[in-house]
N, C-alpha and C. Protein backbone atom coordinates (compact mmCIF):
# COMPACT_ATOMS: atom_id res chain seq x y z
N UNK A 1 36.12 68.88 94.57
CA UNK A 1 35.10 68.74 95.59
C UNK A 1 34.01 67.82 95.08
N UNK A 2 33.55 66.87 95.92
CA UNK A 2 32.53 65.91 95.51
C UNK A 2 31.20 66.61 95.27
N UNK A 3 30.84 67.55 96.14
CA UNK A 3 29.57 68.26 96.01
C UNK A 3 29.74 69.44 95.06
N UNK A 4 29.94 69.12 93.80
CA UNK A 4 30.15 70.11 92.75
C UNK A 4 28.83 70.36 92.04
N UNK A 5 28.60 71.57 91.52
CA UNK A 5 27.35 71.83 90.79
C UNK A 5 27.10 70.86 89.64
N UNK A 6 28.16 70.32 89.06
CA UNK A 6 28.00 69.42 87.92
C UNK A 6 27.33 68.09 88.30
N UNK A 7 27.38 67.71 89.58
CA UNK A 7 26.76 66.44 89.97
C UNK A 7 25.27 66.59 90.28
N UNK A 8 24.81 67.83 90.40
CA UNK A 8 23.42 68.07 90.79
C UNK A 8 22.42 67.58 89.73
N UNK A 9 22.56 67.95 88.44
CA UNK A 9 21.57 67.48 87.45
C UNK A 9 21.43 65.96 87.36
N UNK A 10 22.53 65.17 87.32
CA UNK A 10 22.33 63.72 87.27
C UNK A 10 21.56 63.18 88.48
N UNK A 11 21.80 63.77 89.66
CA UNK A 11 21.07 63.33 90.85
C UNK A 11 19.58 63.64 90.70
N UNK A 12 19.28 64.87 90.28
CA UNK A 12 17.87 65.27 90.13
C UNK A 12 17.17 64.42 89.09
N UNK A 13 17.77 64.30 87.91
CA UNK A 13 17.13 63.51 86.85
C UNK A 13 16.98 62.05 87.26
N UNK A 14 17.98 61.52 87.95
CA UNK A 14 17.90 60.13 88.41
C UNK A 14 16.77 59.92 89.39
N UNK A 15 16.64 60.82 90.37
CA UNK A 15 15.57 60.69 91.36
C UNK A 15 14.20 60.87 90.73
N UNK A 16 14.08 61.83 89.83
CA UNK A 16 12.78 62.05 89.17
C UNK A 16 12.43 60.87 88.27
N UNK A 17 13.40 60.35 87.55
CA UNK A 17 13.15 59.18 86.70
C UNK A 17 12.69 57.99 87.55
N UNK A 18 13.35 57.79 88.68
CA UNK A 18 12.96 56.71 89.60
C UNK A 18 11.54 56.94 90.12
N UNK A 19 11.23 58.18 90.45
CA UNK A 19 9.89 58.52 90.93
C UNK A 19 8.83 58.24 89.88
N UNK A 20 9.20 58.38 88.60
CA UNK A 20 8.25 58.14 87.51
C UNK A 20 8.24 56.68 87.05
N UNK A 21 8.83 55.82 87.84
CA UNK A 21 8.73 54.38 87.58
C UNK A 21 9.86 53.77 86.79
N UNK A 22 10.89 54.55 86.44
CA UNK A 22 12.01 53.98 85.70
C UNK A 22 12.88 53.13 86.64
N UNK A 23 13.28 51.98 86.13
CA UNK A 23 14.15 51.09 86.91
C UNK A 23 15.17 50.46 85.98
N UNK A 24 16.14 49.82 86.59
CA UNK A 24 17.11 49.04 85.84
C UNK A 24 17.83 49.80 84.75
N UNK A 25 17.81 49.23 83.55
CA UNK A 25 18.56 49.80 82.42
C UNK A 25 18.06 51.18 82.03
N UNK A 26 16.74 51.39 82.08
CA UNK A 26 16.17 52.69 81.70
C UNK A 26 16.64 53.77 82.66
N UNK A 27 16.64 53.46 83.95
CA UNK A 27 17.10 54.42 84.95
C UNK A 27 18.59 54.69 84.79
N UNK A 28 19.36 53.63 84.57
CA UNK A 28 20.80 53.79 84.36
C UNK A 28 21.10 54.63 83.13
N UNK A 29 20.28 54.47 82.09
CA UNK A 29 20.47 55.25 80.86
C UNK A 29 20.26 56.73 81.13
N UNK A 30 19.20 57.07 81.86
CA UNK A 30 18.93 58.48 82.18
C UNK A 30 20.07 59.07 82.99
N UNK A 31 20.51 58.37 84.02
CA UNK A 31 21.60 58.87 84.86
C UNK A 31 22.88 59.01 84.04
N UNK A 32 23.13 58.03 83.16
CA UNK A 32 24.32 58.08 82.32
C UNK A 32 24.31 59.24 81.34
N UNK A 33 23.16 59.47 80.71
CA UNK A 33 23.04 60.59 79.76
C UNK A 33 23.19 61.92 80.48
N UNK A 34 22.52 62.06 81.64
CA UNK A 34 22.63 63.30 82.41
C UNK A 34 24.06 63.52 82.89
N UNK A 35 24.74 62.46 83.28
CA UNK A 35 26.13 62.57 83.72
C UNK A 35 27.02 63.02 82.57
N UNK A 36 26.80 62.44 81.40
CA UNK A 36 27.58 62.82 80.23
C UNK A 36 27.36 64.28 79.85
N UNK A 37 26.09 64.71 79.81
CA UNK A 37 25.76 66.06 79.36
C UNK A 37 26.14 67.13 80.38
N UNK A 38 25.85 66.87 81.64
CA UNK A 38 25.98 67.91 82.67
C UNK A 38 27.27 67.83 83.47
N UNK A 39 27.97 66.70 83.38
CA UNK A 39 29.20 66.55 84.17
C UNK A 39 30.43 66.36 83.27
N UNK A 40 30.43 65.31 82.47
CA UNK A 40 31.64 64.96 81.72
C UNK A 40 32.01 66.03 80.70
N UNK A 41 31.06 66.46 79.87
CA UNK A 41 31.38 67.46 78.84
C UNK A 41 31.86 68.78 79.46
N UNK A 42 31.16 69.33 80.48
CA UNK A 42 31.68 70.57 81.08
C UNK A 42 33.05 70.43 81.71
N UNK A 43 33.30 69.29 82.37
CA UNK A 43 34.61 69.09 83.01
C UNK A 43 35.71 68.98 81.95
N UNK A 44 35.44 68.25 80.87
CA UNK A 44 36.43 68.14 79.79
C UNK A 44 36.72 69.53 79.21
N UNK A 45 35.68 70.32 79.02
CA UNK A 45 35.85 71.69 78.50
C UNK A 45 36.75 72.51 79.43
N UNK A 46 36.52 72.42 80.74
CA UNK A 46 37.34 73.17 81.69
C UNK A 46 38.78 72.68 81.71
N UNK A 47 38.96 71.37 81.57
CA UNK A 47 40.32 70.81 81.54
C UNK A 47 41.07 71.33 80.31
N UNK A 48 40.37 71.40 79.17
CA UNK A 48 40.99 71.94 77.95
C UNK A 48 41.38 73.40 78.16
N UNK A 49 40.48 74.18 78.75
CA UNK A 49 40.80 75.59 79.03
C UNK A 49 41.98 75.72 79.98
N UNK A 50 42.05 74.82 80.95
CA UNK A 50 43.16 74.85 81.90
C UNK A 50 44.48 74.52 81.20
N UNK A 51 44.44 73.53 80.31
CA UNK A 51 45.65 73.17 79.56
C UNK A 51 46.09 74.32 78.65
N UNK A 52 45.12 75.06 78.13
CA UNK A 52 45.43 76.20 77.26
C UNK A 52 45.78 77.46 78.05
N UNK A 53 45.73 77.34 79.39
CA UNK A 53 46.02 78.45 80.30
C UNK A 53 45.02 79.61 80.13
N UNK A 54 43.81 79.26 79.68
CA UNK A 54 42.76 80.26 79.57
C UNK A 54 42.11 80.53 80.93
N UNK A 55 42.23 79.56 81.83
CA UNK A 55 41.78 79.72 83.21
C UNK A 55 42.90 79.26 84.12
N UNK A 56 42.87 79.70 85.38
CA UNK A 56 43.96 79.37 86.30
C UNK A 56 43.68 78.13 87.15
N UNK A 57 42.43 77.69 87.18
CA UNK A 57 42.05 76.47 87.90
C UNK A 57 40.74 75.96 87.31
N UNK A 58 40.37 74.73 87.68
CA UNK A 58 39.11 74.19 87.17
C UNK A 58 37.91 74.99 87.67
N UNK A 59 38.08 75.71 88.76
CA UNK A 59 37.00 76.53 89.30
C UNK A 59 36.95 77.91 88.65
N UNK A 60 37.96 78.26 87.88
CA UNK A 60 38.01 79.57 87.20
C UNK A 60 37.66 80.70 88.17
N UNK A 61 38.44 80.80 89.23
CA UNK A 61 38.12 81.77 90.28
C UNK A 61 38.32 83.21 89.85
N UNK A 62 39.24 83.44 88.90
CA UNK A 62 39.49 84.80 88.43
C UNK A 62 38.26 85.30 87.67
N UNK A 63 37.65 86.37 88.20
CA UNK A 63 36.41 86.89 87.62
C UNK A 63 36.57 87.25 86.15
N UNK A 64 37.74 87.76 85.78
CA UNK A 64 37.95 88.19 84.40
C UNK A 64 38.04 87.00 83.44
N UNK A 65 38.31 85.78 83.98
CA UNK A 65 38.47 84.61 83.13
C UNK A 65 37.30 83.63 83.23
N UNK A 66 36.34 83.91 84.10
CA UNK A 66 35.28 82.93 84.31
C UNK A 66 34.04 83.20 83.46
N UNK A 67 33.97 84.37 82.81
CA UNK A 67 32.76 84.70 82.05
C UNK A 67 32.56 83.78 80.85
N UNK A 68 33.61 83.55 80.08
CA UNK A 68 33.47 82.68 78.90
C UNK A 68 33.05 81.27 79.29
N UNK A 69 33.69 80.64 80.29
CA UNK A 69 33.23 79.30 80.69
C UNK A 69 31.79 79.29 81.20
N UNK A 70 31.40 80.35 81.90
CA UNK A 70 30.03 80.38 82.44
C UNK A 70 29.00 80.51 81.33
N UNK A 71 29.27 81.36 80.34
CA UNK A 71 28.32 81.51 79.24
C UNK A 71 28.30 80.27 78.36
N UNK A 72 29.46 79.66 78.15
CA UNK A 72 29.48 78.42 77.38
C UNK A 72 28.70 77.34 78.14
N UNK A 73 28.89 77.29 79.45
CA UNK A 73 28.17 76.31 80.27
C UNK A 73 26.66 76.52 80.17
N UNK A 74 26.23 77.78 80.24
CA UNK A 74 24.80 78.08 80.12
C UNK A 74 24.27 77.65 78.76
N UNK A 75 25.04 77.93 77.71
CA UNK A 75 24.64 77.53 76.35
C UNK A 75 24.51 76.01 76.27
N UNK A 76 25.46 75.30 76.85
CA UNK A 76 25.43 73.84 76.78
C UNK A 76 24.25 73.26 77.55
N UNK A 77 23.90 73.87 78.69
CA UNK A 77 22.75 73.40 79.47
C UNK A 77 21.46 73.59 78.67
N UNK A 78 21.39 74.66 77.89
CA UNK A 78 20.23 74.87 77.02
C UNK A 78 20.16 73.78 75.95
N UNK A 79 21.31 73.45 75.35
CA UNK A 79 21.37 72.39 74.34
C UNK A 79 20.92 71.06 74.91
N UNK A 80 21.17 70.84 76.20
CA UNK A 80 20.85 69.56 76.84
C UNK A 80 19.35 69.35 77.03
N UNK A 81 18.56 70.42 77.02
CA UNK A 81 17.12 70.29 77.30
C UNK A 81 16.43 69.32 76.34
N UNK A 82 16.49 69.53 75.02
CA UNK A 82 15.77 68.59 74.13
C UNK A 82 16.31 67.16 74.21
N UNK A 83 17.58 67.02 74.51
CA UNK A 83 18.15 65.67 74.62
C UNK A 83 17.53 64.94 75.81
N UNK A 84 17.42 65.63 76.96
CA UNK A 84 16.82 65.00 78.14
C UNK A 84 15.34 64.73 77.92
N UNK A 85 14.66 65.63 77.22
CA UNK A 85 13.24 65.39 76.91
C UNK A 85 13.08 64.15 76.03
N UNK A 86 13.98 64.00 75.06
CA UNK A 86 13.93 62.86 74.14
C UNK A 86 14.02 61.53 74.90
N UNK A 87 14.84 61.52 75.95
CA UNK A 87 15.05 60.28 76.72
C UNK A 87 14.18 60.23 77.99
N UNK A 88 13.14 61.05 78.04
CA UNK A 88 12.34 61.18 79.27
C UNK A 88 11.45 59.98 79.55
N UNK A 89 11.24 59.12 78.56
CA UNK A 89 10.46 57.90 78.74
C UNK A 89 9.07 58.20 79.31
N UNK A 90 8.34 59.10 78.64
CA UNK A 90 6.97 59.38 79.05
C UNK A 90 6.80 60.52 80.03
N UNK A 91 7.88 61.21 80.38
CA UNK A 91 7.77 62.34 81.30
C UNK A 91 8.39 63.61 80.70
N UNK A 92 8.00 63.96 79.45
CA UNK A 92 8.66 65.08 78.79
C UNK A 92 8.45 66.42 79.49
N UNK A 93 7.26 66.63 80.06
CA UNK A 93 7.01 67.91 80.70
C UNK A 93 7.92 68.11 81.91
N UNK A 94 8.01 67.11 82.77
CA UNK A 94 8.83 67.23 83.98
C UNK A 94 10.31 67.35 83.62
N UNK A 95 10.76 66.54 82.67
CA UNK A 95 12.17 66.61 82.27
C UNK A 95 12.48 67.94 81.59
N UNK A 96 11.54 68.43 80.79
CA UNK A 96 11.72 69.74 80.17
C UNK A 96 11.71 70.85 81.21
N UNK A 97 10.85 70.72 82.22
CA UNK A 97 10.79 71.70 83.30
C UNK A 97 12.11 71.76 84.06
N UNK A 98 12.64 70.60 84.41
CA UNK A 98 13.92 70.56 85.13
C UNK A 98 15.03 71.14 84.26
N UNK A 99 15.08 70.69 83.00
CA UNK A 99 16.11 71.21 82.09
C UNK A 99 16.01 72.70 81.91
N UNK A 100 14.77 73.20 81.80
CA UNK A 100 14.56 74.64 81.64
C UNK A 100 15.00 75.43 82.85
N UNK A 101 14.69 74.92 84.04
CA UNK A 101 15.11 75.60 85.28
C UNK A 101 16.63 75.62 85.37
N UNK A 102 17.27 74.49 85.08
CA UNK A 102 18.74 74.43 85.12
C UNK A 102 19.35 75.42 84.13
N UNK A 103 18.77 75.48 82.92
CA UNK A 103 19.31 76.37 81.88
C UNK A 103 19.11 77.83 82.25
N UNK A 104 17.89 78.17 82.66
CA UNK A 104 17.61 79.56 83.02
C UNK A 104 18.51 80.03 84.16
N UNK A 105 18.70 79.16 85.14
CA UNK A 105 19.52 79.56 86.28
C UNK A 105 21.01 79.62 85.94
N UNK A 106 21.43 78.80 84.99
CA UNK A 106 22.82 78.91 84.52
C UNK A 106 23.04 80.27 83.86
N UNK A 107 22.06 80.71 83.06
CA UNK A 107 22.15 82.03 82.42
C UNK A 107 22.11 83.13 83.47
N UNK A 108 21.18 83.03 84.41
CA UNK A 108 21.06 84.06 85.46
C UNK A 108 22.34 84.17 86.28
N UNK A 109 22.93 83.04 86.64
CA UNK A 109 24.16 83.06 87.43
C UNK A 109 25.31 83.66 86.63
N UNK A 110 25.36 83.36 85.33
CA UNK A 110 26.41 83.94 84.48
C UNK A 110 26.27 85.46 84.43
N UNK A 111 25.03 85.93 84.27
CA UNK A 111 24.78 87.38 84.21
C UNK A 111 25.08 88.04 85.54
N UNK A 112 24.60 87.45 86.63
CA UNK A 112 24.84 88.01 87.96
C UNK A 112 26.32 88.10 88.27
N UNK A 113 27.06 87.06 87.89
CA UNK A 113 28.49 87.02 88.21
C UNK A 113 29.32 88.00 87.39
N UNK A 114 28.73 88.65 86.43
CA UNK A 114 29.44 89.72 85.72
C UNK A 114 29.67 90.90 86.65
N UNK A 115 28.70 91.14 87.53
CA UNK A 115 28.77 92.29 88.43
C UNK A 115 29.02 91.89 89.88
N UNK A 116 28.47 90.77 90.27
CA UNK A 116 28.50 90.37 91.67
C UNK A 116 28.88 88.90 91.77
N UNK A 117 29.99 88.63 92.41
CA UNK A 117 30.45 87.25 92.54
C UNK A 117 29.65 86.54 93.62
N UNK A 118 28.94 85.47 93.23
CA UNK A 118 28.26 84.65 94.22
C UNK A 118 28.68 83.19 93.98
N UNK A 119 28.52 82.37 94.99
CA UNK A 119 29.00 81.00 94.92
C UNK A 119 28.08 80.12 94.08
N UNK A 120 28.61 79.64 92.97
CA UNK A 120 27.84 78.74 92.11
C UNK A 120 27.76 77.35 92.75
N UNK A 121 28.81 76.96 93.49
CA UNK A 121 28.78 75.68 94.19
C UNK A 121 27.61 75.64 95.18
N UNK A 122 27.49 76.68 95.99
CA UNK A 122 26.43 76.72 96.99
C UNK A 122 25.06 76.85 96.32
N UNK A 123 24.99 77.65 95.27
CA UNK A 123 23.73 77.80 94.53
C UNK A 123 23.30 76.46 93.94
N UNK A 124 24.26 75.70 93.41
CA UNK A 124 23.95 74.41 92.80
C UNK A 124 23.44 73.39 93.79
N UNK A 125 24.14 73.26 94.92
CA UNK A 125 23.71 72.27 95.92
C UNK A 125 22.40 72.71 96.57
N UNK A 126 22.22 74.01 96.77
CA UNK A 126 20.95 74.52 97.30
C UNK A 126 19.83 74.26 96.30
N UNK A 127 20.16 74.38 95.01
CA UNK A 127 19.18 74.12 93.97
C UNK A 127 18.70 72.68 93.97
N UNK A 128 19.59 71.74 94.32
CA UNK A 128 19.19 70.34 94.42
C UNK A 128 18.04 70.21 95.42
N UNK A 129 18.19 70.86 96.56
CA UNK A 129 17.16 70.84 97.59
C UNK A 129 15.87 71.47 97.09
N UNK A 130 15.97 72.69 96.54
CA UNK A 130 14.76 73.44 96.22
C UNK A 130 14.02 72.90 94.99
N UNK A 131 14.75 72.40 93.99
CA UNK A 131 14.09 71.83 92.82
C UNK A 131 13.28 70.60 93.22
N UNK A 132 13.89 69.72 94.00
CA UNK A 132 13.18 68.51 94.42
C UNK A 132 12.00 68.86 95.33
N UNK A 133 12.19 69.83 96.22
CA UNK A 133 11.10 70.25 97.09
C UNK A 133 9.95 70.83 96.26
N UNK A 134 10.28 71.68 95.29
CA UNK A 134 9.25 72.28 94.44
C UNK A 134 8.51 71.23 93.63
N UNK A 135 9.24 70.24 93.10
CA UNK A 135 8.59 69.16 92.35
C UNK A 135 7.68 68.33 93.26
N UNK A 136 8.09 68.17 94.50
CA UNK A 136 7.28 67.44 95.46
C UNK A 136 6.00 68.22 95.80
N UNK A 137 6.16 69.51 96.05
CA UNK A 137 5.02 70.35 96.43
C UNK A 137 4.02 70.54 95.29
N UNK A 138 4.51 70.49 94.05
CA UNK A 138 3.61 70.64 92.89
C UNK A 138 3.19 69.27 92.33
N UNK A 139 3.46 68.21 93.10
CA UNK A 139 3.01 66.84 92.78
C UNK A 139 3.57 66.33 91.46
N UNK A 140 4.82 66.68 91.17
CA UNK A 140 5.46 66.21 89.94
C UNK A 140 6.38 65.00 90.20
N UNK A 141 6.59 64.71 91.47
CA UNK A 141 7.28 63.49 91.86
C UNK A 141 6.49 62.85 93.00
N UNK A 142 6.68 61.55 93.18
CA UNK A 142 5.94 60.82 94.21
C UNK A 142 6.29 61.33 95.60
N UNK A 143 5.27 61.45 96.44
CA UNK A 143 5.48 62.00 97.78
C UNK A 143 6.32 61.10 98.66
N UNK A 144 6.39 59.81 98.32
CA UNK A 144 7.17 58.89 99.15
C UNK A 144 8.62 58.74 98.68
N UNK A 145 9.00 59.50 97.62
CA UNK A 145 10.36 59.38 97.09
C UNK A 145 11.39 59.97 98.04
N UNK A 146 11.08 61.12 98.58
CA UNK A 146 12.05 61.84 99.41
C UNK A 146 11.53 61.96 100.83
N UNK A 147 12.28 61.43 101.76
CA UNK A 147 11.89 61.54 103.16
C UNK A 147 12.58 62.72 103.83
N UNK A 148 12.26 62.92 105.09
CA UNK A 148 12.88 64.02 105.84
C UNK A 148 14.38 63.84 105.95
N UNK A 149 14.83 62.58 105.97
CA UNK A 149 16.27 62.33 106.08
C UNK A 149 17.01 62.86 104.86
N UNK A 150 16.40 62.72 103.66
CA UNK A 150 17.05 63.23 102.45
C UNK A 150 17.23 64.74 102.52
N UNK A 151 16.16 65.42 102.91
CA UNK A 151 16.23 66.88 102.98
C UNK A 151 17.17 67.34 104.10
N UNK A 152 17.22 66.59 105.20
CA UNK A 152 18.15 66.93 106.28
C UNK A 152 19.60 66.78 105.80
N UNK A 153 19.87 65.69 105.08
CA UNK A 153 21.22 65.48 104.54
C UNK A 153 21.58 66.57 103.55
N UNK A 154 20.61 66.97 102.72
CA UNK A 154 20.85 68.02 101.73
C UNK A 154 21.16 69.35 102.40
N UNK A 155 20.44 69.68 103.46
CA UNK A 155 20.70 70.92 104.18
C UNK A 155 22.08 70.90 104.83
N UNK A 156 22.46 69.74 105.35
CA UNK A 156 23.82 69.60 105.91
C UNK A 156 24.86 69.78 104.80
N UNK A 157 24.58 69.20 103.63
CA UNK A 157 25.50 69.33 102.49
C UNK A 157 25.66 70.79 102.08
N UNK A 158 24.55 71.55 102.07
CA UNK A 158 24.63 72.98 101.73
C UNK A 158 25.55 73.70 102.71
N UNK A 159 25.38 73.41 103.99
CA UNK A 159 26.21 74.04 105.02
C UNK A 159 27.68 73.66 104.85
N UNK A 160 27.94 72.40 104.54
CA UNK A 160 29.33 71.95 104.37
C UNK A 160 29.98 72.60 103.15
N UNK A 161 29.23 72.68 102.05
CA UNK A 161 29.77 73.31 100.85
C UNK A 161 30.04 74.79 101.11
N UNK A 162 29.11 75.45 101.78
CA UNK A 162 29.29 76.87 102.10
C UNK A 162 30.54 77.07 102.95
N UNK A 163 30.68 76.23 103.97
CA UNK A 163 31.87 76.32 104.84
C UNK A 163 33.15 76.08 104.03
N UNK A 164 33.13 75.06 103.15
CA UNK A 164 34.32 74.72 102.37
C UNK A 164 34.71 75.86 101.43
N UNK A 165 33.72 76.53 100.83
CA UNK A 165 34.01 77.62 99.90
C UNK A 165 34.63 78.81 100.62
N UNK A 166 34.19 79.08 101.84
CA UNK A 166 34.77 80.17 102.62
C UNK A 166 36.14 79.75 103.14
N UNK A 167 36.25 78.52 103.65
CA UNK A 167 37.50 78.03 104.23
C UNK A 167 38.62 77.96 103.20
N UNK A 168 38.27 77.66 101.95
CA UNK A 168 39.29 77.56 100.88
C UNK A 168 39.60 78.92 100.25
N UNK A 169 39.02 79.97 100.80
CA UNK A 169 39.20 81.34 100.29
C UNK A 169 38.68 81.52 98.86
N UNK A 170 37.76 80.64 98.44
CA UNK A 170 37.15 80.80 97.11
C UNK A 170 36.08 81.89 97.14
N UNK A 171 35.46 82.07 98.31
CA UNK A 171 34.39 83.06 98.44
C UNK A 171 34.41 83.69 99.83
N UNK A 172 33.82 84.86 99.91
CA UNK A 172 33.54 85.48 101.20
C UNK A 172 32.18 84.98 101.69
N UNK A 173 31.92 85.19 102.96
CA UNK A 173 30.67 84.73 103.57
C UNK A 173 29.45 85.28 102.83
N UNK A 174 29.50 86.54 102.44
CA UNK A 174 28.39 87.16 101.72
C UNK A 174 28.11 86.43 100.41
N UNK A 175 29.15 86.00 99.72
CA UNK A 175 29.00 85.35 98.42
C UNK A 175 28.35 83.98 98.54
N UNK A 176 28.70 83.23 99.61
CA UNK A 176 28.06 81.93 99.79
C UNK A 176 26.62 82.10 100.28
N UNK A 177 26.38 83.14 101.07
CA UNK A 177 25.03 83.43 101.53
C UNK A 177 24.12 83.76 100.34
N UNK A 178 24.62 84.60 99.44
CA UNK A 178 23.84 84.95 98.25
C UNK A 178 23.62 83.73 97.35
N UNK A 179 24.64 82.87 97.26
CA UNK A 179 24.49 81.64 96.48
C UNK A 179 23.40 80.75 97.06
N UNK A 180 23.37 80.65 98.39
CA UNK A 180 22.35 79.83 99.05
C UNK A 180 20.96 80.42 98.84
N UNK A 181 20.83 81.74 98.95
CA UNK A 181 19.54 82.38 98.72
C UNK A 181 19.05 82.12 97.30
N UNK A 182 19.96 82.27 96.34
CA UNK A 182 19.59 82.03 94.94
C UNK A 182 19.12 80.59 94.76
N UNK A 183 19.94 79.65 95.21
CA UNK A 183 19.63 78.24 95.00
C UNK A 183 18.38 77.77 95.71
N UNK A 184 18.12 78.32 96.88
CA UNK A 184 16.96 77.87 97.66
C UNK A 184 15.65 78.45 97.16
N UNK A 185 15.66 79.69 96.69
CA UNK A 185 14.39 80.36 96.41
C UNK A 185 14.07 80.53 94.92
N UNK A 186 15.07 80.73 94.09
CA UNK A 186 14.79 80.98 92.67
C UNK A 186 14.16 79.76 91.98
N UNK A 187 14.71 78.55 92.12
CA UNK A 187 14.07 77.40 91.45
C UNK A 187 12.64 77.14 91.93
N UNK A 188 12.39 77.32 93.22
CA UNK A 188 11.04 77.11 93.74
C UNK A 188 10.08 78.09 93.08
N UNK A 189 10.49 79.35 92.99
CA UNK A 189 9.64 80.38 92.37
C UNK A 189 9.37 80.04 90.90
N UNK A 190 10.41 79.58 90.19
CA UNK A 190 10.26 79.25 88.77
C UNK A 190 9.29 78.09 88.56
N UNK A 191 9.47 77.02 89.33
CA UNK A 191 8.62 75.84 89.18
C UNK A 191 7.19 76.15 89.60
N UNK A 192 7.03 76.93 90.65
CA UNK A 192 5.69 77.31 91.09
C UNK A 192 4.99 78.16 90.02
N UNK A 193 5.74 79.07 89.42
CA UNK A 193 5.16 79.92 88.36
C UNK A 193 4.73 79.07 87.16
N UNK A 194 5.57 78.15 86.75
CA UNK A 194 5.21 77.25 85.64
C UNK A 194 3.97 76.45 85.99
N UNK A 195 3.87 76.00 87.24
CA UNK A 195 2.70 75.23 87.66
C UNK A 195 1.44 76.05 87.63
N UNK A 196 1.55 77.33 87.95
CA UNK A 196 0.38 78.22 87.89
C UNK A 196 -0.08 78.43 86.45
N UNK A 197 0.90 78.53 85.54
CA UNK A 197 0.57 78.81 84.14
C UNK A 197 0.05 77.58 83.41
N UNK A 198 0.75 76.45 83.56
CA UNK A 198 0.38 75.25 82.82
C UNK A 198 -0.44 74.27 83.65
N UNK A 199 -0.06 74.13 84.91
CA UNK A 199 -0.87 73.36 85.86
C UNK A 199 -1.15 71.92 85.54
N UNK A 200 -0.31 71.27 84.74
CA UNK A 200 -0.57 69.84 84.50
C UNK A 200 0.62 69.00 84.93
């Protein structure tokens, strides 16, 4: 699926870098690093697990087999934080904030999915919407970066991903609904809380 949770961080970091004035090679470098850390490495890891028959598909739908990949993924997202800060080109706080939100939510989703299966795909795409909205509302990205059309497209994407997850029998309606609730509200609450505490 094109709208996979792994594509969300490169999009967010790319848009935020662009908002902070990065262009050309510097912008391409940020997108490339984020793609390598958040997309390529996790996908390679899942492919290896699939070849070893440790999981039954790249989505690891079997609850008993998805815990190890989820916790490893959460660990890797934590490792990625200082790397993204290092390449932030003058925006370490915002890049650290985004990395921290992604890492914390990866851990939370791994813990939640031990007891309650919710859609990580829907949570991820919903998180794209809410993280960017929260950064916009807390003045961490330029107000002219994202127009209403971007948010409208993102909301349509959330609906399409939710429909696809139910239609493919990967999730029940309740699981995609919970994923959407998590993705839409948890990142906003986290970023707002950080803004209240640090406020810069």
